Amino acid sequence: MSKIFFEQDTPEQRRQIIELERRGFQVRRMTQYHVKIGKVNYYITKGTITIDPTIRYEKKGFDALLGLLDHMSRNVGTEIG
C-alpha cells in the first residue's frame, strides 16, 4: 500500500486521493487529515481549502478543490507547486 494512505482512511478519502493522482497532481500527505498539492492545502475530512501562505479559499469540498487546481494549472501566472 502507498505511503499516501492511512489505515483509518475511508473509501471516499482514498477515492479523492486516487483521483488527484490520476489527474496528474503531485499529492503529499502531510497528516492523516491534511493533503498538500503544491501551494494548495486540502483538509480531507472537513473539505477546507487554503492556499499558501495564508489564503483561505471561499469554497469547500473536493469538487471545489478540483476546480481550483484545474483553474490554477490552466493559468500560467498561477503556480500550483
N, C-alpha and C. Protein backbone atom coordinates (compact mmCIF):
# COMPACT_ATOMS: atom_id res chain seq x y z
N MET A 1 0.83 -1.18 0.00
CA MET A 1 0.00 0.00 0.00
C MET A 1 0.88 1.25 0.00
N SER A 2 0.43 2.26 -0.74
CA SER A 2 1.16 3.51 -0.84
C SER A 2 1.28 4.20 0.52
N LYS A 3 2.38 4.93 0.72
CA LYS A 3 2.58 5.69 1.95
C LYS A 3 1.60 6.85 2.06
N ILE A 4 0.91 7.15 1.00
CA ILE A 4 -0.01 8.27 1.00
C ILE A 4 -1.33 7.94 1.70
N PHE A 5 -1.57 6.67 1.93
CA PHE A 5 -2.81 6.26 2.60
C PHE A 5 -2.56 5.91 4.06
N PHE A 6 -3.58 6.17 4.87
CA PHE A 6 -3.59 5.76 6.26
C PHE A 6 -4.59 4.63 6.42
N GLU A 7 -4.32 3.74 7.33
CA GLU A 7 -5.22 2.61 7.57
C GLU A 7 -6.64 3.07 7.90
N GLN A 8 -6.75 4.22 8.56
CA GLN A 8 -8.05 4.73 9.00
C GLN A 8 -8.82 5.47 7.91
N ASP A 9 -8.22 5.66 6.74
CA ASP A 9 -8.89 6.38 5.66
C ASP A 9 -10.20 5.70 5.26
N THR A 10 -11.19 6.53 4.98
CA THR A 10 -12.46 5.99 4.48
C THR A 10 -12.31 5.71 2.98
N PRO A 11 -13.20 4.92 2.41
CA PRO A 11 -13.15 4.71 0.96
C PRO A 11 -13.25 6.02 0.18
N GLU A 12 -14.02 6.99 0.68
CA GLU A 12 -14.14 8.28 0.00
C GLU A 12 -12.83 9.05 0.04
N GLN A 13 -12.12 9.03 1.15
CA GLN A 13 -10.82 9.70 1.23
C GLN A 13 -9.84 9.08 0.25
N ARG A 14 -9.83 7.77 0.18
CA ARG A 14 -8.93 7.08 -0.76
C ARG A 14 -9.30 7.42 -2.20
N ARG A 15 -10.59 7.48 -2.48
CA ARG A 15 -11.05 7.80 -3.84
C ARG A 15 -10.58 9.20 -4.24
N GLN A 16 -10.68 10.15 -3.32
CA GLN A 16 -10.26 11.52 -3.62
C GLN A 16 -8.76 11.60 -3.91
N ILE A 17 -7.97 10.93 -3.12
CA ILE A 17 -6.52 10.96 -3.33
C ILE A 17 -6.15 10.28 -4.65
N ILE A 18 -6.76 9.16 -4.92
CA ILE A 18 -6.51 8.45 -6.18
C ILE A 18 -6.90 9.33 -7.37
N GLU A 19 -8.02 10.03 -7.26
CA GLU A 19 -8.47 10.91 -8.35
C GLU A 19 -7.48 12.06 -8.57
N LEU A 20 -6.96 12.64 -7.50
CA LEU A 20 -5.96 13.69 -7.65
C LEU A 20 -4.73 13.17 -8.38
N GLU A 21 -4.25 12.00 -7.98
CA GLU A 21 -3.08 11.41 -8.65
C GLU A 21 -3.39 11.06 -10.10
N ARG A 22 -4.59 10.56 -10.35
CA ARG A 22 -4.99 10.20 -11.72
C ARG A 22 -4.97 11.43 -12.63
N ARG A 23 -5.30 12.57 -12.07
CA ARG A 23 -5.30 13.82 -12.84
C ARG A 23 -3.90 14.42 -12.97
N GLY A 24 -2.91 13.77 -12.40
CA GLY A 24 -1.53 14.19 -12.58
C GLY A 24 -1.00 15.15 -11.53
N PHE A 25 -1.75 15.37 -10.46
CA PHE A 25 -1.27 16.26 -9.41
C PHE A 25 -0.36 15.49 -8.46
N GLN A 26 0.71 16.14 -8.04
CA GLN A 26 1.61 15.54 -7.06
C GLN A 26 1.03 15.78 -5.67
N VAL A 27 0.62 14.71 -5.06
CA VAL A 27 -0.06 14.79 -3.77
C VAL A 27 0.91 14.39 -2.66
N ARG A 28 0.98 15.23 -1.63
CA ARG A 28 1.75 14.87 -0.43
C ARG A 28 0.77 14.78 0.73
N ARG A 29 0.93 13.77 1.51
CA ARG A 29 0.07 13.59 2.68
C ARG A 29 0.84 14.10 3.88
N MET A 30 0.44 15.25 4.39
CA MET A 30 1.14 15.89 5.49
C MET A 30 0.77 15.25 6.83
N THR A 31 -0.51 14.97 6.99
CA THR A 31 -1.03 14.26 8.17
C THR A 31 -2.21 13.42 7.70
N GLN A 32 -2.82 12.73 8.61
CA GLN A 32 -4.00 11.93 8.26
C GLN A 32 -5.11 12.81 7.70
N TYR A 33 -5.14 14.08 8.08
CA TYR A 33 -6.23 14.99 7.72
C TYR A 33 -5.84 16.03 6.69
N HIS A 34 -4.56 16.15 6.34
CA HIS A 34 -4.05 17.24 5.53
C HIS A 34 -3.34 16.70 4.28
N VAL A 35 -3.86 17.10 3.12
CA VAL A 35 -3.27 16.76 1.83
C VAL A 35 -2.73 18.05 1.22
N LYS A 36 -1.53 18.00 0.64
CA LYS A 36 -0.92 19.18 0.04
C LYS A 36 -0.62 18.91 -1.43
N ILE A 37 -1.07 19.84 -2.27
CA ILE A 37 -0.80 19.79 -3.69
C ILE A 37 -0.15 21.12 -4.04
N GLY A 38 1.18 21.14 -4.12
CA GLY A 38 1.88 22.39 -4.35
C GLY A 38 1.61 23.37 -3.22
N LYS A 39 1.05 24.53 -3.56
CA LYS A 39 0.74 25.56 -2.57
C LYS A 39 -0.65 25.41 -1.98
N VAL A 40 -1.38 24.42 -2.44
CA VAL A 40 -2.77 24.23 -2.01
C VAL A 40 -2.83 23.17 -0.92
N ASN A 41 -3.53 23.52 0.14
CA ASN A 41 -3.74 22.61 1.27
C ASN A 41 -5.20 22.20 1.30
N TYR A 42 -5.44 20.91 1.44
CA TYR A 42 -6.82 20.40 1.49
C TYR A 42 -6.94 19.55 2.74
N TYR A 43 -7.91 19.93 3.56
CA TYR A 43 -8.16 19.19 4.80
C TYR A 43 -9.29 18.22 4.50
N ILE A 44 -8.89 17.00 4.26
CA ILE A 44 -9.72 15.99 3.62
C ILE A 44 -10.99 15.63 4.40
N THR A 45 -10.97 15.73 5.72
CA THR A 45 -12.16 15.35 6.48
C THR A 45 -13.17 16.49 6.59
N LYS A 46 -12.72 17.74 6.45
CA LYS A 46 -13.62 18.91 6.56
C LYS A 46 -13.89 19.57 5.21
N GLY A 47 -13.02 19.33 4.23
CA GLY A 47 -13.19 19.94 2.92
C GLY A 47 -12.64 21.36 2.82
N THR A 48 -11.96 21.81 3.86
CA THR A 48 -11.40 23.16 3.87
C THR A 48 -10.19 23.24 2.95
N ILE A 49 -10.09 24.37 2.23
CA ILE A 49 -9.00 24.58 1.28
C ILE A 49 -8.30 25.89 1.64
N THR A 50 -6.98 25.85 1.71
CA THR A 50 -6.19 27.07 1.88
C THR A 50 -5.09 27.07 0.84
N ILE A 51 -4.61 28.28 0.55
CA ILE A 51 -3.52 28.46 -0.40
C ILE A 51 -2.40 29.19 0.32
N ASP A 52 -1.20 28.60 0.27
CA ASP A 52 -0.06 29.21 0.96
C ASP A 52 0.18 30.61 0.41
N PRO A 53 0.53 31.58 1.25
CA PRO A 53 0.87 31.38 2.64
C PRO A 53 -0.33 31.38 3.59
N THR A 54 -1.34 32.22 3.37
CA THR A 54 -2.42 32.29 4.37
C THR A 54 -3.79 32.60 3.77
N ILE A 55 -4.06 32.18 2.57
CA ILE A 55 -5.33 32.49 1.94
C ILE A 55 -6.30 31.33 2.15
N ARG A 56 -7.44 31.62 2.74
CA ARG A 56 -8.48 30.60 2.90
C ARG A 56 -9.42 30.71 1.71
N TYR A 57 -9.52 29.64 0.96
CA TYR A 57 -10.37 29.62 -0.23
C TYR A 57 -11.83 29.64 0.21
N GLU A 58 -12.63 30.41 -0.51
CA GLU A 58 -14.02 30.62 -0.10
C GLU A 58 -14.90 29.38 -0.25
N LYS A 59 -14.56 28.49 -1.14
CA LYS A 59 -15.36 27.28 -1.36
C LYS A 59 -14.76 26.11 -0.59
N LYS A 60 -15.58 25.09 -0.36
CA LYS A 60 -15.12 23.90 0.36
C LYS A 60 -15.48 22.65 -0.43
N GLY A 61 -14.78 21.56 -0.10
CA GLY A 61 -15.11 20.26 -0.66
C GLY A 61 -14.22 19.85 -1.82
N PHE A 62 -14.37 18.59 -2.17
CA PHE A 62 -13.50 18.00 -3.19
C PHE A 62 -13.74 18.61 -4.57
N ASP A 63 -14.99 18.85 -4.93
CA ASP A 63 -15.27 19.45 -6.24
C ASP A 63 -14.67 20.84 -6.34
N ALA A 64 -14.74 21.60 -5.25
CA ALA A 64 -14.12 22.94 -5.22
C ALA A 64 -12.60 22.83 -5.37
N LEU A 65 -12.01 21.84 -4.72
CA LEU A 65 -10.57 21.61 -4.84
C LEU A 65 -10.18 21.32 -6.28
N LEU A 66 -10.91 20.41 -6.92
CA LEU A 66 -10.61 20.08 -8.32
C LEU A 66 -10.74 21.30 -9.22
N GLY A 67 -11.78 22.09 -8.99
CA GLY A 67 -11.97 23.30 -9.79
C GLY A 67 -10.83 24.27 -9.61
N LEU A 68 -10.40 24.47 -8.38
CA LEU A 68 -9.28 25.38 -8.10
C LEU A 68 -8.00 24.88 -8.76
N LEU A 69 -7.69 23.61 -8.59
CA LEU A 69 -6.47 23.05 -9.17
C LEU A 69 -6.49 23.11 -10.69
N ASP A 70 -7.64 22.81 -11.28
CA ASP A 70 -7.74 22.89 -12.74
C ASP A 70 -7.56 24.33 -13.21
N HIS A 71 -8.16 25.27 -12.49
CA HIS A 71 -8.01 26.69 -12.84
C HIS A 71 -6.55 27.12 -12.71
N MET A 72 -5.92 26.75 -11.62
CA MET A 72 -4.52 27.14 -11.40
C MET A 72 -3.60 26.52 -12.44
N SER A 73 -3.87 25.29 -12.84
CA SER A 73 -2.99 24.62 -13.81
C SER A 73 -3.15 25.20 -15.21
N ARG A 74 -4.30 25.82 -15.49
CA ARG A 74 -4.51 26.43 -16.81
C ARG A 74 -3.93 27.84 -16.91
N ASN A 75 -3.73 28.48 -15.78
CA ASN A 75 -3.22 29.85 -15.77
C ASN A 75 -1.73 29.87 -15.55
N VAL A 76 -1.02 30.37 -16.52
CA VAL A 76 0.45 30.38 -16.50
C VAL A 76 0.96 31.17 -15.29
N GLY A 77 0.29 32.25 -14.94
CA GLY A 77 0.76 33.09 -13.85
C GLY A 77 0.48 32.54 -12.47
N THR A 78 -0.28 31.48 -12.39
CA THR A 78 -0.62 30.90 -11.10
C THR A 78 0.11 29.57 -10.95
N GLU A 79 0.88 29.44 -9.94
CA GLU A 79 1.71 28.26 -9.74
C GLU A 79 1.07 27.33 -8.72
N ILE A 80 0.94 26.06 -9.06
CA ILE A 80 0.42 25.07 -8.12
C ILE A 80 1.52 24.64 -7.17
N GLY A 81 2.69 24.39 -7.68
CA GLY A 81 3.73 23.92 -6.77
C GLY A 81 5.09 23.97 -7.33
